[in-house]
Amino acid sequence: MRDSHRFAHTANLSLGLKHGVESETVVLFRPPRLNSKFEDSVMMAWGKFT
């Protein structure tokens, strides 16, 4: 399964600002093959993470 899914993690502030992130946020990008008109292609979650 790990060979068929790409994952990346970054703490680069300039990359976050490029996508509109200004604080600790988890950003999920859906691959184009999973895009639908009913769901956003980018999801963001922010707040207190434990």
PDB file of N, CA and C in Angstrom:
ATOM      1  N   MET A   1       0.821  -1.189   0.000  1.00  0.00           N
ATOM      2  CA  MET A   1       0.000   0.000   0.000  1.00  0.00           C
ATOM      3  C   MET A   1       0.865   1.253   0.000  1.00  0.00           C
ATOM      4  N   ARG A   2       1.988   1.260   0.698  1.00  0.00           N
ATOM      5  CA  ARG A   2       2.803   2.472   0.744  1.00  0.00           C
ATOM      6  C   ARG A   2       3.387   2.830  -0.614  1.00  0.00           C
ATOM      7  N   ASP A   3       3.478   1.855  -1.512  1.00  0.00           N
ATOM      8  CA  ASP A   3       3.997   2.135  -2.842  1.00  0.00           C
ATOM      9  C   ASP A   3       2.966   2.807  -3.744  1.00  0.00           C
ATOM     10  N   SER A   4       1.704   2.753  -3.374  1.00  0.00           N
ATOM     11  CA  SER A   4       0.669   3.324  -4.230  1.00  0.00           C
ATOM     12  C   SER A   4       0.125   4.662  -3.719  1.00  0.00           C
ATOM     13  N   HIS A   5       0.627   5.161  -2.587  1.00  0.00           N
ATOM     14  CA  HIS A   5       0.165   6.435  -2.030  1.00  0.00           C
ATOM     15  C   HIS A   5       1.368   7.324  -1.754  1.00  0.00           C
ATOM     16  N   ARG A   6       1.260   8.586  -2.154  1.00  0.00           N
ATOM     17  CA  ARG A   6       2.328   9.538  -1.863  1.00  0.00           C
ATOM     18  C   ARG A   6       1.948  10.341  -0.629  1.00  0.00           C
ATOM     19  N   PHE A   7       2.938  10.617   0.197  1.00  0.00           N
ATOM     20  CA  PHE A   7       2.735  11.380   1.414  1.00  0.00           C
ATOM     21  C   PHE A   7       3.894  12.353   1.554  1.00  0.00           C
ATOM     22  N   ALA A   8       3.593  13.553   2.005  1.00  0.00           N
ATOM     23  CA  ALA A   8       4.642  14.538   2.251  1.00  0.00           C
ATOM     24  C   ALA A   8       4.284  15.341   3.487  1.00  0.00           C
ATOM     25  N   HIS A   9       5.305  15.789   4.179  1.00  0.00           N
ATOM     26  CA  HIS A   9       5.129  16.602   5.379  1.00  0.00           C
ATOM     27  C   HIS A   9       6.134  17.734   5.299  1.00  0.00           C
ATOM     28  N   THR A  10       5.702  18.931   5.619  1.00  0.00           N
ATOM     29  CA  THR A  10       6.625  20.058   5.620  1.00  0.00           C
ATOM     30  C   THR A  10       6.242  21.044   6.716  1.00  0.00           C
ATOM     31  N   ALA A  11       7.227  21.760   7.181  1.00  0.00           N
ATOM     32  CA  ALA A  11       7.008  22.844   8.130  1.00  0.00           C
ATOM     33  C   ALA A  11       7.516  24.154   7.523  1.00  0.00           C
ATOM     34  N   ASN A  12       7.626  24.199   6.208  1.00  0.00           N
ATOM     35  CA  ASN A  12       8.129  25.346   5.476  1.00  0.00           C
ATOM     36  C   ASN A  12       7.070  26.447   5.455  1.00  0.00           C
ATOM     37  N   LEU A  13       7.367  27.573   6.086  1.00  0.00           N
ATOM     38  CA  LEU A  13       6.407  28.671   6.198  1.00  0.00           C
ATOM     39  C   LEU A  13       6.044  29.261   4.836  1.00  0.00           C
ATOM     40  N   SER A  14       7.022  29.432   3.950  1.00  0.00           N
ATOM     41  CA  SER A  14       6.712  30.035   2.644  1.00  0.00           C
ATOM     42  C   SER A  14       5.788  29.139   1.819  1.00  0.00           C
ATOM     43  N   LEU A  15       5.919  27.843   1.933  1.00  0.00           N
ATOM     44  CA  LEU A  15       5.018  26.931   1.229  1.00  0.00           C
ATOM     45  C   LEU A  15       3.610  27.013   1.814  1.00  0.00           C
ATOM     46  N   GLY A  16       3.514  27.129   3.128  1.00  0.00           N
ATOM     47  CA  GLY A  16       2.209  27.287   3.765  1.00  0.00           C
ATOM     48  C   GLY A  16       1.529  28.580   3.357  1.00  0.00           C
ATOM     49  N   LEU A  17       2.277  29.655   3.305  1.00  0.00           N
ATOM     50  CA  LEU A  17       1.713  30.949   2.903  1.00  0.00           C
ATOM     51  C   LEU A  17       1.222  30.907   1.460  1.00  0.00           C
ATOM     52  N   LYS A  18       1.890  30.147   0.612  1.00  0.00           N
ATOM     53  CA  LYS A  18       1.470  30.004  -0.782  1.00  0.00           C
ATOM     54  C   LYS A  18       0.066  29.409  -0.876  1.00  0.00           C
ATOM     55  N   HIS A  19      -0.299  28.569   0.093  1.00  0.00           N
ATOM     56  CA  HIS A  19      -1.609  27.918   0.092  1.00  0.00           C
ATOM     57  C   HIS A  19      -2.577  28.544   1.095  1.00  0.00           C
ATOM     58  N   GLY A  20      -2.235  29.730   1.632  1.00  0.00           N
ATOM     59  CA  GLY A  20      -3.142  30.457   2.506  1.00  0.00           C
ATOM     60  C   GLY A  20      -3.134  30.001   3.953  1.00  0.00           C
ATOM     61  N   VAL A  21      -2.074  29.330   4.369  1.00  0.00           N
ATOM     62  CA  VAL A  21      -1.967  28.833   5.743  1.00  0.00           C
ATOM     63  C   VAL A  21      -1.105  29.796   6.540  1.00  0.00           C
ATOM     64  N   GLU A  22      -1.630  30.299   7.667  1.00  0.00           N
ATOM     65  CA  GLU A  22      -0.879  31.247   8.482  1.00  0.00           C
ATOM     66  C   GLU A  22      -0.578  30.722   9.876  1.00  0.00           C
ATOM     67  N   SER A  23      -1.131  29.573  10.248  1.00  0.00           N
ATOM     68  CA  SER A  23      -0.865  28.987  11.561  1.00  0.00           C
ATOM     69  C   SER A  23      -0.804  27.474  11.409  1.00  0.00           C
ATOM     70  N   GLU A  24      -0.659  26.775  12.521  1.00  0.00           N
ATOM     71  CA  GLU A  24      -0.575  25.316  12.471  1.00  0.00           C
ATOM     72  C   GLU A  24      -1.842  24.742  11.854  1.00  0.00           C
ATOM     73  N   THR A  25      -1.699  24.136  10.711  1.00  0.00           N
ATOM     74  CA  THR A  25      -2.835  23.634   9.943  1.00  0.00           C
ATOM     75  C   THR A  25      -2.445  22.344   9.236  1.00  0.00           C
ATOM     76  N   VAL A  26      -3.370  21.434   9.151  1.00  0.00           N
ATOM     77  CA  VAL A  26      -3.187  20.224   8.352  1.00  0.00           C
ATOM     78  C   VAL A  26      -3.911  20.455   7.034  1.00  0.00           C
ATOM     79  N   VAL A  27      -3.197  20.289   5.929  1.00  0.00           N
ATOM     80  CA  VAL A  27      -3.776  20.497   4.602  1.00  0.00           C
ATOM     81  C   VAL A  27      -3.737  19.169   3.852  1.00  0.00           C
ATOM     82  N   LEU A  28      -4.877  18.769   3.332  1.00  0.00           N
ATOM     83  CA  LEU A  28      -4.983  17.529   2.565  1.00  0.00           C
ATOM     84  C   LEU A  28      -5.336  17.879   1.128  1.00  0.00           C
ATOM     85  N   PHE A  29      -4.497  17.458   0.202  1.00  0.00           N
ATOM     86  CA  PHE A  29      -4.742  17.662  -1.224  1.00  0.00           C
ATOM     87  C   PHE A  29      -5.235  16.348  -1.809  1.00  0.00           C
ATOM     88  N   ARG A  30      -6.410  16.368  -2.396  1.00  0.00           N
ATOM     89  CA  ARG A  30      -6.934  15.163  -3.047  1.00  0.00           C
ATOM     90  C   ARG A  30      -6.292  15.029  -4.429  1.00  0.00           C
ATOM     91  N   PRO A  31      -5.899  13.818  -4.806  1.00  0.00           N
ATOM     92  CA  PRO A  31      -5.346  13.632  -6.152  1.00  0.00           C
ATOM     93  C   PRO A  31      -6.421  13.866  -7.210  1.00  0.00           C
ATOM     94  N   PRO A  32      -6.022  14.310  -8.390  1.00  0.00           N
ATOM     95  CA  PRO A  32      -7.007  14.611  -9.448  1.00  0.00           C
ATOM     96  C   PRO A  32      -7.954  13.456  -9.759  1.00  0.00           C
ATOM     97  N   ARG A  33      -7.499  12.232  -9.646  1.00  0.00           N
ATOM     98  CA  ARG A  33      -8.373  11.093  -9.964  1.00  0.00           C
ATOM     99  C   ARG A  33      -9.480  10.904  -8.937  1.00  0.00           C
ATOM    100  N   LEU A  34      -9.354  11.540  -7.757  1.00  0.00           N
ATOM    101  CA  LEU A  34     -10.384  11.437  -6.725  1.00  0.00           C
ATOM    102  C   LEU A  34     -11.233  12.697  -6.604  1.00  0.00           C
ATOM    103  N   ASN A  35     -10.995  13.695  -7.439  1.00  0.00           N
ATOM    104  CA  ASN A  35     -11.779  14.933  -7.392  1.00  0.00           C
ATOM    105  C   ASN A  35     -13.227  14.676  -7.795  1.00  0.00           C
ATOM    106  N   SER A  36     -14.123  15.398  -7.134  1.00  0.00           N
ATOM    107  CA  SER A  36     -15.532  15.348  -7.517  1.00  0.00           C
ATOM    108  C   SER A  36     -16.120  16.744  -7.366  1.00  0.00           C
ATOM    109  N   LYS A  37     -17.245  16.981  -7.996  1.00  0.00           N
ATOM    110  CA  LYS A  37     -17.878  18.297  -7.905  1.00  0.00           C
ATOM    111  C   LYS A  37     -18.560  18.500  -6.553  1.00  0.00           C
ATOM    112  N   PHE A  38     -18.668  17.455  -5.749  1.00  0.00           N
ATOM    113  CA  PHE A  38     -19.341  17.541  -4.456  1.00  0.00           C
ATOM    114  C   PHE A  38     -18.381  17.789  -3.295  1.00  0.00           C
ATOM    115  N   GLU A  39     -17.079  17.621  -3.524  1.00  0.00           N
ATOM    116  CA  GLU A  39     -16.089  17.803  -2.469  1.00  0.00           C
ATOM    117  C   GLU A  39     -14.979  18.725  -2.950  1.00  0.00           C
ATOM    118  N   ASP A  40     -14.399  19.470  -2.023  1.00  0.00           N
ATOM    119  CA  ASP A  40     -13.273  20.338  -2.350  1.00  0.00           C
ATOM    120  C   ASP A  40     -12.034  19.498  -2.640  1.00  0.00           C
ATOM    121  N   SER A  41     -11.168  19.997  -3.509  1.00  0.00           N
ATOM    122  CA  SER A  41      -9.940  19.270  -3.817  1.00  0.00           C
ATOM    123  C   SER A  41      -8.877  19.491  -2.745  1.00  0.00           C
ATOM    124  N   VAL A  42      -9.075  20.516  -1.901  1.00  0.00           N
ATOM    125  CA  VAL A  42      -8.165  20.788  -0.791  1.00  0.00           C
ATOM    126  C   VAL A  42      -8.993  20.887   0.482  1.00  0.00           C
ATOM    127  N   MET A  43      -8.552  20.195   1.522  1.00  0.00           N
ATOM    128  CA  MET A  43      -9.225  20.259   2.825  1.00  0.00           C
ATOM    129  C   MET A  43      -8.233  20.786   3.851  1.00  0.00           C
ATOM    130  N   MET A  44      -8.699  21.648   4.753  1.00  0.00           N
ATOM    131  CA  MET A  44      -7.839  22.189   5.806  1.00  0.00           C
ATOM    132  C   MET A  44      -8.466  21.934   7.162  1.00  0.00           C
ATOM    133  N   ALA A  45      -7.614  21.572   8.110  1.00  0.00           N
ATOM    134  CA  ALA A  45      -8.048  21.378   9.493  1.00  0.00           C
ATOM    135  C   ALA A  45      -7.110  22.188  10.381  1.00  0.00           C
ATOM    136  N   TRP A  46      -7.670  22.980  11.266  1.00  0.00           N
ATOM    137  CA  TRP A  46      -6.855  23.786  12.161  1.00  0.00           C
ATOM    138  C   TRP A  46      -7.471  23.747  13.540  1.00  0.00           C
ATOM    139  N   GLY A  47      -6.704  24.219  14.499  1.00  0.00           N
ATOM    140  CA  GLY A  47      -7.154  24.201  15.882  1.00  0.00           C
ATOM    141  C   GLY A  47      -6.117  23.521  16.747  1.00  0.00           C
ATOM    142  N   LYS A  48      -6.539  23.006  17.856  1.00  0.00           N
ATOM    143  CA  LYS A  48      -5.621  22.340  18.775  1.00  0.00           C
ATOM    144  C   LYS A  48      -5.487  20.873  18.382  1.00  0.00           C
ATOM    145  N   PHE A  49      -4.259  20.464  18.061  1.00  0.00           N
ATOM    146  CA  PHE A  49      -3.993  19.077  17.697  1.00  0.00           C
ATOM    147  C   PHE A  49      -3.315  18.380  18.859  1.00  0.00           C
ATOM    148  N   THR A  50      -3.754  17.189  19.129  1.00  0.00           N
ATOM    149  CA  THR A  50      -3.136  16.425  20.223  1.00  0.00           C
ATOM    150  C   THR A  50      -2.559  15.138  19.709  1.00  0.00           C
TER     151      THR A  50
END
